[in-house]
């Protein structure tokens, strides 16, 4: 298993100076070994907290970019010293003050569930894309890895407001996104809401991952589903069963 992840519903557990509503979620899909994914999952949150504390800007979108760059430099140094040849993708979401700051590189993706559809808000940096092949070759790499691309020219960082039309978000490794379309994720998710009790909410990620397996995925599967609104609000919006006890 080369996938790693971060689930921090509140960053205040690591630093009491951080707003208790600030949260961080991330998926790292390792390639050719788990070393880089393990390092990224162990250090991304500390890099983010350090950048939040020391950065000269209050622009948290820029802080996310600096966090990726800072982590990349540290990981590059370790890879060079220890001759590590593995790599990793990353899809990270930092939520603060009602805004989700997203950062990604590689072919792990981030999706947002709206009332009518799933929207993928990250552009996948996949070697199967001719433009991405050219970018990777120009970066001197065979594969998109942190250590081979010091400047992270393929990095995407955006921010979105966590507003009512966004019910939840998912981010997952390519083992999920390669095998399950946005439409299938939407249909699977909404059907689950309609047919299951609210107490089953923790199972939604497993259900989507199972759909990827049914569609033939043999890759490692990592998926995080995060409710951006209270669970009962989302359940009611999609006609789900809400316990009254």
Protein backbone atom coordinates (compact mmCIF):
# COMPACT_ATOMS: atom_id res chain seq x y z
CA UNK A 1 0.00 0.00 0.00
CA UNK A 2 1.67 3.22 -1.18
CA UNK A 3 -1.19 5.65 -0.49
CA UNK A 4 -1.11 7.92 2.55
CA UNK A 5 -3.55 10.52 3.84
CA UNK A 6 -4.18 13.27 6.39
CA UNK A 7 -7.47 13.79 8.24
CA UNK A 8 -7.43 16.74 10.65
CA UNK A 9 -10.97 18.07 11.30
CA UNK A 10 -9.35 20.74 13.48
CA UNK A 11 -5.77 21.98 13.24
CA UNK A 12 -6.08 23.31 16.77
CA UNK A 13 -5.09 19.87 18.08
CA UNK A 14 -1.60 20.63 16.74
CA UNK A 15 -1.46 24.35 17.48
CA UNK A 16 -3.85 26.02 19.91
CA UNK A 17 -3.25 29.39 18.23
CA UNK A 18 -5.04 28.14 15.10
CA UNK A 19 -8.80 28.64 14.81
CA UNK A 20 -10.57 25.49 15.99
CA UNK A 21 -12.66 25.50 12.79
CA UNK A 22 -9.59 25.32 10.53
CA UNK A 23 -9.15 21.85 9.05
CA UNK A 24 -6.90 19.94 6.66
CA UNK A 25 -7.52 16.88 4.50
CA UNK A 26 -5.09 15.34 2.02
CA UNK A 27 -4.39 12.26 -0.09
CA UNK A 28 -0.91 11.27 -1.28
CA UNK A 29 -0.62 8.51 -3.89
CA UNK A 30 2.89 7.05 -3.83
CA UNK A 31 4.56 5.69 -6.94
CA UNK A 32 7.40 3.14 -7.06
CA UNK A 33 7.48 3.02 -3.28
CA UNK A 34 5.84 4.65 -0.25
CA UNK A 35 8.72 6.85 0.92
CA UNK A 36 7.67 10.19 -0.59
CA UNK A 37 3.99 9.71 0.21
CA UNK A 38 4.87 8.79 3.80
CA UNK A 39 7.09 11.85 4.14
CA UNK A 40 4.48 14.18 2.66
CA UNK A 41 1.70 12.87 4.92
CA UNK A 42 3.93 13.20 7.98
CA UNK A 43 5.11 16.73 7.24
CA UNK A 44 2.58 18.62 5.10
CA UNK A 45 0.55 19.83 8.08
CA UNK A 46 3.65 20.98 9.97
CA UNK A 47 4.85 22.83 6.87
CA UNK A 48 1.44 24.49 6.56
CA UNK A 49 1.42 25.57 10.21
CA UNK A 50 4.95 26.93 9.87
CA UNK A 51 4.00 28.93 6.78
CA UNK A 52 0.88 30.28 8.49
CA UNK A 53 3.05 31.46 11.37
CA UNK A 54 5.99 32.91 9.44
CA UNK A 55 4.54 34.04 6.11
CA UNK A 56 4.57 37.76 5.40
CA UNK A 57 1.20 37.52 3.63
CA UNK A 58 -2.31 36.95 4.94
CA UNK A 59 -3.28 35.47 1.56
CA UNK A 60 -3.90 31.84 2.46
CA UNK A 61 -3.99 30.82 -1.18
CA UNK A 62 -0.40 32.03 -1.42
CA UNK A 63 0.38 30.26 1.86
CA UNK A 64 -0.75 26.97 0.29
CA UNK A 65 1.62 27.52 -2.63
CA UNK A 66 4.48 28.27 -0.25
CA UNK A 67 3.63 25.15 1.76
CA UNK A 68 3.93 22.94 -1.32
CA UNK A 69 7.19 24.61 -2.31
CA UNK A 70 8.62 24.34 1.21
CA UNK A 71 7.71 20.66 1.47
CA UNK A 72 9.12 20.02 -2.00
CA UNK A 73 12.50 21.48 -1.06
CA UNK A 74 12.70 19.44 2.13
CA UNK A 75 11.64 16.26 0.36
CA UNK A 76 14.07 16.90 -2.50
CA UNK A 77 16.94 17.15 -0.04
CA UNK A 78 15.97 13.90 1.67
CA UNK A 79 15.58 12.08 -1.65
CA UNK A 80 19.02 13.24 -2.78
CA UNK A 81 20.69 12.26 0.50
CA UNK A 82 19.01 8.85 0.75
CA UNK A 83 18.84 8.08 -3.00
CA UNK A 84 15.06 7.70 -2.86
CA UNK A 85 13.58 7.01 -6.29
CA UNK A 86 9.89 6.97 -5.45
CA UNK A 87 7.42 9.81 -5.95
CA UNK A 88 3.97 10.93 -4.92
CA UNK A 89 0.94 12.87 -6.04
CA UNK A 90 -0.89 15.20 -3.68
CA UNK A 91 -4.40 16.57 -3.29
CA UNK A 92 -4.80 18.81 -0.26
CA UNK A 93 -7.64 20.95 1.08
CA UNK A 94 -7.17 23.51 3.84
CA UNK A 95 -10.45 24.99 5.10
CA UNK A 96 -10.40 28.32 6.94
CA UNK A 97 -13.03 31.03 7.47
CA UNK A 98 -15.53 29.28 5.21
CA UNK A 99 -13.11 29.03 2.29
CA UNK A 100 -11.49 25.86 0.97
CA UNK A 101 -7.94 26.37 -0.28
CA UNK A 102 -7.05 23.48 -2.57
CA UNK A 103 -3.65 22.40 -3.80
CA UNK A 104 -2.71 19.43 -5.94
CA UNK A 105 -0.11 17.89 -8.20
CA UNK A 106 -0.26 14.60 -10.03
CA UNK A 107 -3.35 12.60 -10.90
CA UNK A 108 -5.10 12.52 -7.55
CA UNK A 109 -8.18 14.72 -7.76
CA UNK A 110 -10.63 16.77 -5.70
CA UNK A 111 -14.37 16.79 -6.35
CA UNK A 112 -17.21 18.88 -4.94
CA UNK A 113 -20.78 17.55 -4.60
CA UNK A 114 -23.46 20.03 -5.61
CA UNK A 115 -27.18 19.41 -5.53
CA UNK A 116 -27.20 18.54 -9.23
CA UNK A 117 -23.75 17.09 -9.98
CA UNK A 118 -20.15 16.44 -9.01
CA UNK A 119 -17.60 19.06 -10.05
CA UNK A 120 -13.92 18.17 -10.28
CA UNK A 121 -12.09 21.32 -9.17
CA UNK A 122 -8.55 20.06 -9.78
CA UNK A 123 -6.87 19.52 -13.14
CA UNK A 124 -5.18 16.15 -13.12
CA UNK A 125 -1.50 16.23 -14.08
CA UNK A 126 -1.52 12.85 -15.82
CA UNK A 127 1.34 11.57 -18.03
CA UNK A 128 -1.30 10.32 -20.47
CA UNK A 129 -2.02 13.99 -21.29
CA UNK A 130 0.28 15.10 -24.17
CA UNK A 131 0.69 18.55 -22.59
CA UNK A 132 1.58 16.94 -19.28
CA UNK A 133 4.05 14.59 -20.98
CA UNK A 134 5.81 17.62 -22.44
CA UNK A 135 5.82 19.39 -19.07
CA UNK A 136 7.28 16.36 -17.31
CA UNK A 137 10.00 15.91 -19.91
CA UNK A 138 10.94 19.58 -19.66
CA UNK A 139 11.18 19.17 -15.89
CA UNK A 140 13.66 16.33 -16.41
CA UNK A 141 11.42 13.63 -14.99
CA UNK A 142 9.90 10.37 -16.14
CA UNK A 143 7.03 10.78 -13.72
CA UNK A 144 5.51 13.62 -11.78
CA UNK A 145 7.26 13.46 -8.40
CA UNK A 146 8.10 16.09 -5.85
CA UNK A 147 11.84 15.47 -5.97
CA UNK A 148 12.16 15.76 -9.75
CA UNK A 149 10.30 19.02 -10.06
CA UNK A 150 11.71 21.49 -7.57
CA UNK A 151 9.61 24.40 -8.80
CA UNK A 152 6.39 22.38 -8.93
CA UNK A 153 5.37 23.97 -12.22
CA UNK A 154 2.46 21.54 -12.42
CA UNK A 155 1.06 22.65 -9.07
CA UNK A 156 -2.50 23.90 -9.00
CA UNK A 157 -3.69 26.03 -6.10
CA UNK A 158 -7.17 27.54 -5.98
CA UNK A 159 -9.67 28.71 -3.40
CA UNK A 160 -13.44 28.24 -3.33
CA UNK A 161 -16.03 29.49 -0.90
CA UNK A 162 -17.71 26.74 1.07
CA UNK A 163 -21.25 27.88 0.29
CA UNK A 164 -24.62 26.16 0.57
CA UNK A 165 -24.63 24.67 -2.90
CA UNK A 166 -21.58 22.59 -1.96
CA UNK A 167 -22.71 19.67 0.20
CA UNK A 168 -19.50 17.69 0.48
CA UNK A 169 -16.16 17.15 -1.13
CA UNK A 170 -14.15 14.08 -2.01
CA UNK A 171 -10.53 13.70 -2.85
CA UNK A 172 -9.05 10.44 -3.94
CA UNK A 173 -6.13 8.70 -5.57
CA UNK A 174 -6.18 7.87 -9.27
CA UNK A 175 -7.33 4.33 -8.49
CA UNK A 176 -10.75 5.86 -7.86
CA UNK A 177 -10.88 8.64 -10.47
CA UNK A 178 -9.57 6.40 -13.28
CA UNK A 179 -12.43 3.95 -12.82
CA UNK A 180 -15.43 6.00 -11.64
CA UNK A 181 -16.77 8.98 -13.57
CA UNK A 182 -18.14 12.15 -11.99
CA UNK A 183 -21.63 11.02 -12.99
CA UNK A 184 -21.16 7.61 -11.34
CA UNK A 185 -19.85 9.20 -8.14
CA UNK A 186 -22.84 11.54 -8.06
CA UNK A 187 -25.35 8.73 -8.67
CA UNK A 188 -23.68 6.42 -6.15
CA UNK A 189 -23.54 9.14 -3.50
CA UNK A 190 -27.10 10.42 -3.90
CA UNK A 191 -28.51 6.89 -4.00
CA UNK A 192 -26.69 6.16 -0.74
CA UNK A 193 -28.24 9.25 0.87
CA UNK A 194 -31.70 8.25 -0.33
CA UNK A 195 -31.53 4.62 0.82
CA UNK A 196 -29.52 4.75 4.04
CA UNK A 197 -30.04 6.11 7.50
CA UNK A 198 -27.98 9.15 8.49
CA UNK A 199 -26.12 6.99 11.00
CA UNK A 200 -24.43 5.28 8.05
CA UNK A 201 -22.74 8.51 6.91
CA UNK A 202 -19.25 7.18 7.70
CA UNK A 203 -19.68 4.48 5.03
CA UNK A 204 -20.02 6.82 2.03
CA UNK A 205 -16.30 6.75 1.14
CA UNK A 206 -16.29 2.94 1.27
CA UNK A 207 -19.29 2.80 -1.06
CA UNK A 208 -17.56 4.95 -3.70
CA UNK A 209 -14.34 2.93 -3.37
CA UNK A 210 -16.35 -0.28 -3.80
CA UNK A 211 -17.79 1.16 -7.01
CA UNK A 212 -14.24 1.63 -8.31
CA UNK A 213 -13.48 -2.02 -7.49
CA UNK A 214 -16.64 -3.16 -9.28
CA UNK A 215 -15.51 -1.18 -12.32
CA UNK A 216 -12.23 -3.09 -12.38
CA UNK A 217 -9.77 -1.03 -10.34
CA UNK A 218 -6.82 -3.06 -9.06
CA UNK A 219 -4.89 -0.04 -7.79
CA UNK A 220 -4.56 1.14 -4.21
CA UNK A 221 -7.72 3.06 -3.34
CA UNK A 222 -7.81 6.02 -0.96
CA UNK A 223 -10.81 8.34 -0.75
CA UNK A 224 -11.80 10.94 1.83
CA UNK A 225 -15.36 12.27 1.93
CA UNK A 226 -15.82 15.49 3.92
CA UNK A 227 -19.20 17.04 4.74
CA UNK A 228 -19.03 20.80 4.23
CA UNK A 229 -22.42 21.26 5.89
CA UNK A 230 -23.98 19.50 8.90
CA UNK A 231 -24.60 15.87 8.01
CA UNK A 232 -28.34 16.07 8.69
CA UNK A 233 -28.63 19.09 6.37
CA UNK A 234 -27.01 17.17 3.53
CA UNK A 235 -29.08 14.06 4.21
CA UNK A 236 -32.35 15.96 4.15
CA UNK A 237 -31.36 17.82 0.97
CA UNK A 238 -31.03 14.52 -0.88
CA UNK A 239 -34.12 12.89 0.61
CA UNK A 240 -32.25 10.67 3.03
CA UNK A 241 -33.53 9.08 6.22
CA UNK A 242 -32.80 11.14 9.34
CA UNK A 243 -33.24 9.44 12.71
CA UNK A 244 -35.52 11.26 15.15
CA UNK A 245 -34.40 9.56 18.32
